[in-house]
Amino acid sequence: MMISVHFLEEMLMEQTRKPVHPGRVFLLDVLAPLGVSITEAAHRMGITRKALSELVNERSSCTPQMALRIAEITNTSAESWLTMQLKLDLWKVRQKPVIKYSKKTLLVPS
């Protein structure tokens, strides 16, 4: 499936509010309602408790490998977890000052 650049731009449009970390979503929307501990979930996912704890406590990012593991045990898509992470990463970068480039450096006409 081919995704257009326009679609991606709309999907990742600049947000004013900080997006939710995928680890927080996993903790609050999946583990907590099911009463599953971080230790048990980590065991089922084949990862260390420390790795999962770092994710749900927002100390690490959701990698493609982690997204696949979460998707497997939640019957969701890895893409949805990675999209959450991508939105958060872009939001964080946009909070920093951006270097302005002159139009001479643009690759496409504006």
PDB file of N, CA and C in Angstrom:
ATOM      1  N   MET A   1       0.840  -1.179   0.000  1.00  0.00           N
ATOM      2  CA  MET A   1       0.000   0.000   0.000  1.00  0.00           C
ATOM      3  C   MET A   1       0.887   1.244   0.000  1.00  0.00           C
ATOM      4  N   MET A   2       0.633   2.138  -0.912  1.00  0.00           N
ATOM      5  CA  MET A   2       1.413   3.370  -1.031  1.00  0.00           C
ATOM      6  C   MET A   2       0.692   4.488  -0.288  1.00  0.00           C
ATOM      7  N   ILE A   3       1.411   5.195   0.565  1.00  0.00           N
ATOM      8  CA  ILE A   3       0.828   6.306   1.305  1.00  0.00           C
ATOM      9  C   ILE A   3       1.348   7.596   0.695  1.00  0.00           C
ATOM     10  N   SER A   4       0.452   8.505   0.393  1.00  0.00           N
ATOM     11  CA  SER A   4       0.872   9.764  -0.220  1.00  0.00           C
ATOM     12  C   SER A   4       1.510  10.690   0.817  1.00  0.00           C
ATOM     13  N   VAL A   5       2.388  11.548   0.337  1.00  0.00           N
ATOM     14  CA  VAL A   5       3.036  12.527   1.209  1.00  0.00           C
ATOM     15  C   VAL A   5       1.990  13.450   1.816  1.00  0.00           C
ATOM     16  N   HIS A   6       0.983  13.838   1.028  1.00  0.00           N
ATOM     17  CA  HIS A   6      -0.076  14.716   1.515  1.00  0.00           C
ATOM     18  C   HIS A   6      -0.802  14.077   2.698  1.00  0.00           C
ATOM     19  N   PHE A   7      -1.099  12.779   2.602  1.00  0.00           N
ATOM     20  CA  PHE A   7      -1.771  12.067   3.680  1.00  0.00           C
ATOM     21  C   PHE A   7      -0.927  12.092   4.946  1.00  0.00           C
ATOM     22  N   LEU A   8       0.373  11.820   4.797  1.00  0.00           N
ATOM     23  CA  LEU A   8       1.262  11.829   5.959  1.00  0.00           C
ATOM     24  C   LEU A   8       1.348  13.213   6.591  1.00  0.00           C
ATOM     25  N   GLU A   9       1.404  14.250   5.749  1.00  0.00           N
ATOM     26  CA  GLU A   9       1.468  15.613   6.278  1.00  0.00           C
ATOM     27  C   GLU A   9       0.226  15.942   7.096  1.00  0.00           C
ATOM     28  N   GLU A  10      -0.940  15.545   6.607  1.00  0.00           N
ATOM     29  CA  GLU A  10      -2.183  15.796   7.348  1.00  0.00           C
ATOM     30  C   GLU A  10      -2.212  15.007   8.646  1.00  0.00           C
ATOM     31  N   MET A  11      -1.775  13.749   8.567  1.00  0.00           N
ATOM     32  CA  MET A  11      -1.811  12.881   9.735  1.00  0.00           C
ATOM     33  C   MET A  11      -0.882  13.398  10.827  1.00  0.00           C
ATOM     34  N   LEU A  12       0.245  13.967  10.435  1.00  0.00           N
ATOM     35  CA  LEU A  12       1.243  14.401  11.397  1.00  0.00           C
ATOM     36  C   LEU A  12       1.245  15.911  11.584  1.00  0.00           C
ATOM     37  N   MET A  13       0.122  16.539  11.252  1.00  0.00           N
ATOM     38  CA  MET A  13       0.025  17.989  11.355  1.00  0.00           C
ATOM     39  C   MET A  13       0.460  18.473  12.738  1.00  0.00           C
ATOM     40  N   GLU A  14       1.023  19.631  12.760  1.00  0.00           N
ATOM     41  CA  GLU A  14       1.524  20.192  14.008  1.00  0.00           C
ATOM     42  C   GLU A  14       0.400  20.273  15.047  1.00  0.00           C
ATOM     43  N   GLN A  15       0.713  19.798  16.227  1.00  0.00           N
ATOM     44  CA  GLN A  15      -0.243  19.821  17.320  1.00  0.00           C
ATOM     45  C   GLN A  15       0.176  20.877  18.330  1.00  0.00           C
ATOM     46  N   THR A  16      -0.816  21.426  19.004  1.00  0.00           N
ATOM     47  CA  THR A  16      -0.502  22.400  20.040  1.00  0.00           C
ATOM     48  C   THR A  16      -0.317  21.702  21.392  1.00  0.00           C
ATOM     49  N   ARG A  17      -1.023  20.608  21.595  1.00  0.00           N
ATOM     50  CA  ARG A  17      -0.876  19.841  22.839  1.00  0.00           C
ATOM     51  C   ARG A  17       0.125  18.711  22.653  1.00  0.00           C
ATOM     52  N   LYS A  18       0.815  18.381  23.694  1.00  0.00           N
ATOM     53  CA  LYS A  18       1.781  17.289  23.643  1.00  0.00           C
ATOM     54  C   LYS A  18       1.046  15.963  23.441  1.00  0.00           C
ATOM     55  N   PRO A  19       1.423  15.187  22.419  1.00  0.00           N
ATOM     56  CA  PRO A  19       0.795  13.870  22.222  1.00  0.00           C
ATOM     57  C   PRO A  19       1.136  12.925  23.374  1.00  0.00           C
ATOM     58  N   VAL A  20       0.294  11.964  23.585  1.00  0.00           N
ATOM     59  CA  VAL A  20       0.491  10.994  24.665  1.00  0.00           C
ATOM     60  C   VAL A  20       1.552   9.979  24.247  1.00  0.00           C
ATOM     61  N   HIS A  21       2.427   9.654  25.162  1.00  0.00           N
ATOM     62  CA  HIS A  21       3.468   8.652  24.929  1.00  0.00           C
ATOM     63  C   HIS A  21       2.798   7.284  24.755  1.00  0.00           C
ATOM     64  N   PRO A  22       3.243   6.485  23.769  1.00  0.00           N
ATOM     65  CA  PRO A  22       2.623   5.162  23.566  1.00  0.00           C
ATOM     66  C   PRO A  22       2.758   4.245  24.777  1.00  0.00           C
ATOM     67  N   GLY A  23       3.821   4.408  25.551  1.00  0.00           N
ATOM     68  CA  GLY A  23       3.965   3.601  26.758  1.00  0.00           C
ATOM     69  C   GLY A  23       2.879   3.899  27.779  1.00  0.00           C
ATOM     70  N   ARG A  24       2.517   5.165  27.885  1.00  0.00           N
ATOM     71  CA  ARG A  24       1.434   5.559  28.795  1.00  0.00           C
ATOM     72  C   ARG A  24       0.104   4.980  28.328  1.00  0.00           C
ATOM     73  N   VAL A  25      -0.125   5.011  27.028  1.00  0.00           N
ATOM     74  CA  VAL A  25      -1.345   4.424  26.461  1.00  0.00           C
ATOM     75  C   VAL A  25      -1.386   2.929  26.768  1.00  0.00           C
ATOM     76  N   PHE A  26      -0.262   2.257  26.566  1.00  0.00           N
ATOM     77  CA  PHE A  26      -0.198   0.816  26.830  1.00  0.00           C
ATOM     78  C   PHE A  26      -0.493   0.520  28.299  1.00  0.00           C
ATOM     79  N   LEU A  27       0.073   1.324  29.186  1.00  0.00           N
ATOM     80  CA  LEU A  27      -0.138   1.121  30.618  1.00  0.00           C
ATOM     81  C   LEU A  27      -1.589   1.392  31.020  1.00  0.00           C
ATOM     82  N   LEU A  28      -2.092   2.574  30.651  1.00  0.00           N
ATOM     83  CA  LEU A  28      -3.416   2.990  31.136  1.00  0.00           C
ATOM     84  C   LEU A  28      -4.593   2.382  30.380  1.00  0.00           C
ATOM     85  N   ASP A  29      -4.414   2.117  29.082  1.00  0.00           N
ATOM     86  CA  ASP A  29      -5.537   1.609  28.286  1.00  0.00           C
ATOM     87  C   ASP A  29      -5.518   0.105  28.067  1.00  0.00           C
ATOM     88  N   VAL A  30      -4.387  -0.532  28.342  1.00  0.00           N
ATOM     89  CA  VAL A  30      -4.305  -1.978  28.120  1.00  0.00           C
ATOM     90  C   VAL A  30      -4.029  -2.715  29.427  1.00  0.00           C
ATOM     91  N   LEU A  31      -2.873  -2.446  30.019  1.00  0.00           N
ATOM     92  CA  LEU A  31      -2.481  -3.225  31.197  1.00  0.00           C
ATOM     93  C   LEU A  31      -3.381  -2.985  32.402  1.00  0.00           C
ATOM     94  N   ALA A  32      -3.601  -1.734  32.755  1.00  0.00           N
ATOM     95  CA  ALA A  32      -4.389  -1.424  33.961  1.00  0.00           C
ATOM     96  C   ALA A  32      -5.813  -1.992  33.899  1.00  0.00           C
ATOM     97  N   PRO A  33      -6.563  -1.762  32.808  1.00  0.00           N
ATOM     98  CA  PRO A  33      -7.927  -2.306  32.783  1.00  0.00           C
ATOM     99  C   PRO A  33      -7.981  -3.834  32.866  1.00  0.00           C
ATOM    100  N   LEU A  34      -6.933  -4.497  32.373  1.00  0.00           N
ATOM    101  CA  LEU A  34      -6.906  -5.965  32.410  1.00  0.00           C
ATOM    102  C   LEU A  34      -6.293  -6.502  33.703  1.00  0.00           C
ATOM    103  N   GLY A  35      -5.751  -5.610  34.516  1.00  0.00           N
ATOM    104  CA  GLY A  35      -5.118  -6.038  35.765  1.00  0.00           C
ATOM    105  C   GLY A  35      -3.840  -6.819  35.537  1.00  0.00           C
ATOM    106  N   VAL A  36      -3.155  -6.530  34.415  1.00  0.00           N
ATOM    107  CA  VAL A  36      -1.911  -7.224  34.088  1.00  0.00           C
ATOM    108  C   VAL A  36      -0.737  -6.391  34.588  1.00  0.00           C
ATOM    109  N   SER A  37       0.167  -7.027  35.314  1.00  0.00           N
ATOM    110  CA  SER A  37       1.331  -6.314  35.837  1.00  0.00           C
ATOM    111  C   SER A  37       2.366  -6.110  34.731  1.00  0.00           C
ATOM    112  N   ILE A  38       3.273  -5.185  34.974  1.00  0.00           N
ATOM    113  CA  ILE A  38       4.365  -4.937  34.032  1.00  0.00           C
ATOM    114  C   ILE A  38       5.225  -6.195  33.920  1.00  0.00           C
ATOM    115  N   THR A  39       5.448  -6.868  35.031  1.00  0.00           N
ATOM    116  CA  THR A  39       6.253  -8.089  35.038  1.00  0.00           C
ATOM    117  C   THR A  39       5.610  -9.157  34.167  1.00  0.00           C
ATOM    118  N   GLU A  40       4.314  -9.369  34.346  1.00  0.00           N
ATOM    119  CA  GLU A  40       3.601 -10.390  33.564  1.00  0.00           C
ATOM    120  C   GLU A  40       3.574 -10.031  32.084  1.00  0.00           C
ATOM    121  N   ALA A  41       3.293  -8.772  31.775  1.00  0.00           N
ATOM    122  CA  ALA A  41       3.255  -8.345  30.377  1.00  0.00           C
ATOM    123  C   ALA A  41       4.624  -8.507  29.730  1.00  0.00           C
ATOM    124  N   ALA A  42       5.679  -8.124  30.441  1.00  0.00           N
ATOM    125  CA  ALA A  42       7.036  -8.260  29.905  1.00  0.00           C
ATOM    126  C   ALA A  42       7.353  -9.722  29.613  1.00  0.00           C
ATOM    127  N   HIS A  43       6.959 -10.591  30.514  1.00  0.00           N
ATOM    128  CA  HIS A  43       7.181 -12.033  30.314  1.00  0.00           C
ATOM    129  C   HIS A  43       6.454 -12.515  29.058  1.00  0.00           C
ATOM    130  N   ARG A  44       5.201 -12.125  28.909  1.00  0.00           N
ATOM    131  CA  ARG A  44       4.414 -12.538  27.734  1.00  0.00           C
ATOM    132  C   ARG A  44       4.994 -11.977  26.435  1.00  0.00           C
ATOM    133  N   MET A  45       5.622 -10.801  26.533  1.00  0.00           N
ATOM    134  CA  MET A  45       6.192 -10.154  25.348  1.00  0.00           C
ATOM    135  C   MET A  45       7.600 -10.636  25.032  1.00  0.00           C
ATOM    136  N   GLY A  46       8.203 -11.366  25.959  1.00  0.00           N
ATOM    137  CA  GLY A  46       9.554 -11.862  25.749  1.00  0.00           C
ATOM    138  C   GLY A  46      10.615 -10.785  25.898  1.00  0.00           C
ATOM    139  N   ILE A  47      10.354  -9.823  26.789  1.00  0.00           N
ATOM    140  CA  ILE A  47      11.305  -8.739  27.040  1.00  0.00           C
ATOM    141  C   ILE A  47      11.542  -8.639  28.542  1.00  0.00           C
ATOM    142  N   THR A  48      12.523  -7.850  28.925  1.00  0.00           N
ATOM    143  CA  THR A  48      12.786  -7.686  30.353  1.00  0.00           C
ATOM    144  C   THR A  48      11.760  -6.741  30.976  1.00  0.00           C
ATOM    145  N   ARG A  49      11.569  -6.919  32.273  1.00  0.00           N
ATOM    146  CA  ARG A  49      10.680  -6.023  33.009  1.00  0.00           C
ATOM    147  C   ARG A  49      11.201  -4.594  32.912  1.00  0.00           C
ATOM    148  N   LYS A  50      12.526  -4.451  32.974  1.00  0.00           N
ATOM    149  CA  LYS A  50      13.138  -3.130  32.909  1.00  0.00           C
ATOM    150  C   LYS A  50      12.796  -2.434  31.589  1.00  0.00           C
ATOM    151  N   ALA A  51      12.879  -3.155  30.486  1.00  0.00           N
ATOM    152  CA  ALA A  51      12.585  -2.562  29.165  1.00  0.00           C
ATOM    153  C   ALA A  51      11.140  -2.071  29.102  1.00  0.00           C
ATOM    154  N   LEU A  52      10.209  -2.875  29.608  1.00  0.00           N
ATOM    155  CA  LEU A  52       8.808  -2.467  29.579  1.00  0.00           C
ATOM    156  C   LEU A  52       8.546  -1.332  30.573  1.00  0.00           C
ATOM    157  N   SER A  53       9.165  -1.406  31.729  1.00  0.00           N
ATOM    158  CA  SER A  53       9.009  -0.347  32.726  1.00  0.00           C
ATOM    159  C   SER A  53       9.481   0.993  32.169  1.00  0.00           C
ATOM    160  N   GLU A  54      10.612   0.983  31.466  1.00  0.00           N
ATOM    161  CA  GLU A  54      11.122   2.220  30.867  1.00  0.00           C
ATOM    162  C   GLU A  54      10.147   2.780  29.832  1.00  0.00           C
ATOM    163  N   LEU A  55       9.509   1.907  29.074  1.00  0.00           N
ATOM    164  CA  LEU A  55       8.532   2.357  28.075  1.00  0.00           C
ATOM    165  C   LEU A  55       7.300   2.956  28.755  1.00  0.00           C
ATOM    166  N   VAL A  56       6.696   2.227  29.690  1.00  0.00           N
ATOM    167  CA  VAL A  56       5.450   2.711  30.293  1.00  0.00           C
ATOM    168  C   VAL A  56       5.662   3.913  31.204  1.00  0.00           C
ATOM    169  N   ASN A  57       6.892   4.095  31.670  1.00  0.00           N
ATOM    170  CA  ASN A  57       7.206   5.267  32.479  1.00  0.00           C
ATOM    171  C   ASN A  57       7.810   6.395  31.653  1.00  0.00           C
ATOM    172  N   GLU A  58       7.713   6.265  30.343  1.00  0.00           N
ATOM    173  CA  GLU A  58       8.088   7.297  29.378  1.00  0.00           C
ATOM    174  C   GLU A  58       9.568   7.663  29.420  1.00  0.00           C
ATOM    175  N   ARG A  59      10.401   6.692  29.773  1.00  0.00           N
ATOM    176  CA  ARG A  59      11.845   6.923  29.778  1.00  0.00           C
ATOM    177  C   ARG A  59      12.510   6.381  28.516  1.00  0.00           C
ATOM    178  N   SER A  60      11.742   5.645  27.702  1.00  0.00           N
ATOM    179  CA  SER A  60      12.266   5.163  26.425  1.00  0.00           C
ATOM    180  C   SER A  60      11.181   5.292  25.362  1.00  0.00           C
ATOM    181  N   SER A  61      11.618   5.315  24.127  1.00  0.00           N
ATOM    182  CA  SER A  61      10.692   5.432  23.000  1.00  0.00           C
ATOM    183  C   SER A  61      10.185   4.059  22.587  1.00  0.00           C
ATOM    184  N   CYS A  62       9.092   4.063  21.869  1.00  0.00           N
ATOM    185  CA  CYS A  62       8.542   2.834  21.317  1.00  0.00           C
ATOM    186  C   CYS A  62       9.253   2.554  19.998  1.00  0.00           C
ATOM    187  N   THR A  63      10.096   1.549  19.992  1.00  0.00           N
ATOM    188  CA  THR A  63      10.849   1.172  18.799  1.00  0.00           C
ATOM    189  C   THR A  63       9.979   0.303  17.898  1.00  0.00           C
ATOM    190  N   PRO A  64      10.376   0.109  16.640  1.00  0.00           N
ATOM    191  CA  PRO A  64       9.613  -0.795  15.776  1.00  0.00           C
ATOM    192  C   PRO A  64       9.496  -2.208  16.367  1.00  0.00           C
ATOM    193  N   GLN A  65      10.563  -2.701  16.967  1.00  0.00           N
ATOM    194  CA  GLN A  65      10.510  -4.031  17.573  1.00  0.00           C
ATOM    195  C   GLN A  65       9.506  -4.067  18.731  1.00  0.00           C
ATOM    196  N   MET A  66       9.535  -3.044  19.578  1.00  0.00           N
ATOM    197  CA  MET A  66       8.594  -2.984  20.695  1.00  0.00           C
ATOM    198  C   MET A  66       7.168  -2.851  20.176  1.00  0.00           C
ATOM    199  N   ALA A  67       6.983  -2.044  19.147  1.00  0.00           N
ATOM    200  CA  ALA A  67       5.650  -1.871  18.559  1.00  0.00           C
ATOM    201  C   ALA A  67       5.108  -3.205  18.049  1.00  0.00           C
ATOM    202  N   LEU A  68       5.960  -4.006  17.423  1.00  0.00           N
ATOM    203  CA  LEU A  68       5.535  -5.328  16.952  1.00  0.00           C
ATOM    204  C   LEU A  68       5.132  -6.227  18.118  1.00  0.00           C
ATOM    205  N   ARG A  69       5.901  -6.177  19.196  1.00  0.00           N
ATOM    206  CA  ARG A  69       5.585  -7.011  20.365  1.00  0.00           C
ATOM    207  C   ARG A  69       4.261  -6.588  21.011  1.00  0.00           C
ATOM    208  N   ILE A  70       4.068  -5.279  21.138  1.00  0.00           N
ATOM    209  CA  ILE A  70       2.805  -4.784  21.712  1.00  0.00           C
ATOM    210  C   ILE A  70       1.633  -5.169  20.797  1.00  0.00           C
ATOM    211  N   ALA A  71       1.816  -4.969  19.506  1.00  0.00           N
ATOM    212  CA  ALA A  71       0.753  -5.281  18.543  1.00  0.00           C
ATOM    213  C   ALA A  71       0.362  -6.755  18.617  1.00  0.00           C
ATOM    214  N   GLU A  72       1.348  -7.632  18.759  1.00  0.00           N
ATOM    215  CA  GLU A  72       1.075  -9.067  18.831  1.00  0.00           C
ATOM    216  C   GLU A  72       0.185  -9.435  20.000  1.00  0.00           C
ATOM    217  N   ILE A  73       0.452  -8.865  21.166  1.00  0.00           N
ATOM    218  CA  ILE A  73      -0.318  -9.281  22.347  1.00  0.00           C
ATOM    219  C   ILE A  73      -1.604  -8.472  22.550  1.00  0.00           C
ATOM    220  N   THR A  74      -1.794  -7.425  21.762  1.00  0.00           N
ATOM    221  CA  THR A  74      -3.000  -6.601  21.912  1.00  0.00           C
ATOM    222  C   THR A  74      -3.918  -6.686  20.691  1.00  0.00           C
ATOM    223  N   ASN A  75      -3.499  -7.438  19.689  1.00  0.00           N
ATOM    224  CA  ASN A  75      -4.280  -7.554  18.454  1.00  0.00           C
ATOM    225  C   ASN A  75      -4.521  -6.180  17.823  1.00  0.00           C
ATOM    226  N   THR A  76      -3.468  -5.364  17.825  1.00  0.00           N
ATOM    227  CA  THR A  76      -3.511  -4.050  17.193  1.00  0.00           C
ATOM    228  C   THR A  76      -2.401  -4.013  16.143  1.00  0.00           C
ATOM    229  N   SER A  77      -2.214  -2.874  15.528  1.00  0.00           N
ATOM    230  CA  SER A  77      -1.165  -2.778  14.513  1.00  0.00           C
ATOM    231  C   SER A  77       0.086  -2.110  15.090  1.00  0.00           C
ATOM    232  N   ALA A  78       1.226  -2.568  14.649  1.00  0.00           N
ATOM    233  CA  ALA A  78       2.484  -1.936  15.050  1.00  0.00           C
ATOM    234  C   ALA A  78       2.508  -0.491  14.566  1.00  0.00           C
ATOM    235  N   GLU A  79       1.910  -0.248  13.409  1.00  0.00           N
ATOM    236  CA  GLU A  79       1.881   1.095  12.845  1.00  0.00           C
ATOM    237  C   GLU A  79       1.182   2.087  13.764  1.00  0.00           C
ATOM    238  N   SER A  80       0.139   1.646  14.443  1.00  0.00           N
ATOM    239  CA  SER A  80      -0.572   2.569  15.344  1.00  0.00           C
ATOM    240  C   SER A  80       0.315   2.990  16.514  1.00  0.00           C
ATOM    241  N   TRP A  81       1.122   2.064  17.038  1.00  0.00           N
ATOM    242  CA  TRP A  81       2.021   2.380  18.149  1.00  0.00           C
ATOM    243  C   TRP A  81       3.160   3.271  17.673  1.00  0.00           C
ATOM    244  N   LEU A  82       3.663   2.986  16.468  1.00  0.00           N
ATOM    245  CA  LEU A  82       4.739   3.811  15.922  1.00  0.00           C
ATOM    246  C   LEU A  82       4.253   5.206  15.551  1.00  0.00           C
ATOM    247  N   THR A  83       3.015   5.314  15.102  1.00  0.00           N
ATOM    248  CA  THR A  83       2.450   6.624  14.774  1.00  0.00           C
ATOM    249  C   THR A  83       2.357   7.486  16.030  1.00  0.00           C
ATOM    250  N   MET A  84       1.943   6.872  17.143  1.00  0.00           N
ATOM    251  CA  MET A  84       1.907   7.619  18.410  1.00  0.00           C
ATOM    252  C   MET A  84       3.298   8.151  18.755  1.00  0.00           C
ATOM    253  N   GLN A  85       4.309   7.280  18.592  1.00  0.00           N
ATOM    254  CA  GLN A  85       5.677   7.678  18.919  1.00  0.00           C
ATOM    255  C   GLN A  85       6.165   8.768  17.969  1.00  0.00           C
ATOM    256  N   LEU A  86       5.844   8.625  16.690  1.00  0.00           N
ATOM    257  CA  LEU A  86       6.269   9.616  15.703  1.00  0.00           C
ATOM    258  C   LEU A  86       5.649  10.979  15.985  1.00  0.00           C
ATOM    259  N   LYS A  87       4.375  11.000  16.324  1.00  0.00           N
ATOM    260  CA  LYS A  87       3.719  12.270  16.657  1.00  0.00           C
ATOM    261  C   LYS A  87       4.377  12.931  17.868  1.00  0.00           C
ATOM    262  N   LEU A  88       4.713  12.136  18.863  1.00  0.00           N
ATOM    263  CA  LEU A  88       5.373  12.664  20.057  1.00  0.00           C
ATOM    264  C   LEU A  88       6.771  13.190  19.718  1.00  0.00           C
ATOM    265  N   ASP A  89       7.527  12.421  18.934  1.00  0.00           N
ATOM    266  CA  ASP A  89       8.880  12.838  18.557  1.00  0.00           C
ATOM    267  C   ASP A  89       8.857  14.143  17.774  1.00  0.00           C
ATOM    268  N   LEU A  90       7.939  14.263  16.816  1.00  0.00           N
ATOM    269  CA  LEU A  90       7.834  15.492  16.028  1.00  0.00           C
ATOM    270  C   LEU A  90       7.428  16.666  16.906  1.00  0.00           C
ATOM    271  N   TRP A  91       6.508  16.445  17.823  1.00  0.00           N
ATOM    272  CA  TRP A  91       6.083  17.507  18.727  1.00  0.00           C
ATOM    273  C   TRP A  91       7.276  18.009  19.547  1.00  0.00           C
ATOM    274  N   LYS A  92       8.095  17.073  20.062  1.00  0.00           N
ATOM    275  CA  LYS A  92       9.258  17.460  20.864  1.00  0.00           C
ATOM    276  C   LYS A  92      10.241  18.293  20.045  1.00  0.00           C
ATOM    277  N   VAL A  93      10.496  17.882  18.809  1.00  0.00           N
ATOM    278  CA  VAL A  93      11.422  18.627  17.953  1.00  0.00           C
ATOM    279  C   VAL A  93      10.875  20.011  17.647  1.00  0.00           C
ATOM    280  N   ARG A  94       9.577  20.109  17.428  1.00  0.00           N
ATOM    281  CA  ARG A  94       8.965  21.397  17.098  1.00  0.00           C
ATOM    282  C   ARG A  94       8.978  22.373  18.268  1.00  0.00           C
ATOM    283  N   GLN A  95       9.229  21.876  19.474  1.00  0.00           N
ATOM    284  CA  GLN A  95       9.282  22.762  20.636  1.00  0.00           C
ATOM    285  C   GLN A  95      10.615  23.495  20.722  1.00  0.00           C
ATOM    286  N   LYS A  96      11.601  23.018  19.965  1.00  0.00           N
ATOM    287  CA  LYS A  96      12.927  23.626  19.969  1.00  0.00           C
ATOM    288  C   LYS A  96      13.007  24.666  18.857  1.00  0.00           C
ATOM    289  N   PRO A  97      13.875  25.663  19.014  1.00  0.00           N
ATOM    290  CA  PRO A  97      14.039  26.654  17.948  1.00  0.00           C
ATOM    291  C   PRO A  97      14.499  25.974  16.659  1.00  0.00           C
ATOM    292  N   VAL A  98      13.942  26.441  15.552  1.00  0.00           N
ATOM    293  CA  VAL A  98      14.257  25.868  14.255  1.00  0.00           C
ATOM    294  C   VAL A  98      15.168  26.810  13.481  1.00  0.00           C
ATOM    295  N   ILE A  99      16.155  26.255  12.827  1.00  0.00           N
ATOM    296  CA  ILE A  99      17.025  27.052  11.975  1.00  0.00           C
ATOM    297  C   ILE A  99      16.245  27.384  10.705  1.00  0.00           C
ATOM    298  N   LYS A 100      16.171  28.653  10.385  1.00  0.00           N
ATOM    299  CA  LYS A 100      15.466  29.078   9.184  1.00  0.00           C
ATOM    300  C   LYS A 100      16.435  29.067   8.006  1.00  0.00           C
ATOM    301  N   TYR A 101      16.005  28.457   6.924  1.00  0.00           N
ATOM    302  CA  TYR A 101      16.832  28.383   5.727  1.00  0.00           C
ATOM    303  C   TYR A 101      16.308  29.362   4.686  1.00  0.00           C
ATOM    304  N   SER A 102      17.195  29.865   3.876  1.00  0.00           N
ATOM    305  CA  SER A 102      16.768  30.756   2.802  1.00  0.00           C
ATOM    306  C   SER A 102      16.106  29.927   1.715  1.00  0.00           C
ATOM    307  N   LYS A 103      15.336  30.592   0.876  1.00  0.00           N
ATOM    308  CA  LYS A 103      14.639  29.885  -0.195  1.00  0.00           C
ATOM    309  C   LYS A 103      15.610  29.232  -1.166  1.00  0.00           C
ATOM    310  N   LYS A 104      16.848  29.711  -1.221  1.00  0.00           N
ATOM    311  CA  LYS A 104      17.851  29.116  -2.113  1.00  0.00           C
ATOM    312  C   LYS A 104      18.142  27.671  -1.751  1.00  0.00           C
ATOM    313  N   THR A 105      17.928  27.287  -0.503  1.00  0.00           N
ATOM    314  CA  THR A 105      18.248  25.924  -0.096  1.00  0.00           C
ATOM    315  C   THR A 105      17.081  24.965  -0.259  1.00  0.00           C
ATOM    316  N   LEU A 106      15.909  25.487  -0.624  1.00  0.00           N
ATOM    317  CA  LEU A 106      14.757  24.607  -0.799  1.00  0.00           C
ATOM    318  C   LEU A 106      14.937  23.729  -2.031  1.00  0.00           C
ATOM    319  N   LEU A 107      14.470  22.502  -1.913  1.00  0.00           N
ATOM    320  CA  LEU A 107      14.557  21.567  -3.032  1.00  0.00           C
ATOM    321  C   LEU A 107      13.374  21.665  -3.965  1.00  0.00           C
ATOM    322  N   VAL A 108      12.259  22.178  -3.473  1.00  0.00           N
ATOM    323  CA  VAL A 108      11.047  22.303  -4.290  1.00  0.00           C
ATOM    324  C   VAL A 108      10.561  23.743  -4.253  1.00  0.00           C
ATOM    325  N   PRO A 109       9.883  24.163  -5.294  1.00  0.00           N
ATOM    326  CA  PRO A 109       9.370  25.539  -5.282  1.00  0.00           C
ATOM    327  C   PRO A 109       8.321  25.695  -4.188  1.00  0.00           C
ATOM    328  N   SER A 110       8.283  26.885  -3.614  1.00  0.00           N
ATOM    329  CA  SER A 110       7.296  27.114  -2.533  1.00  0.00           C
ATOM    330  C   SER A 110       6.048  27.751  -3.076  1.00  0.00           C
TER     331      SER A 110
END
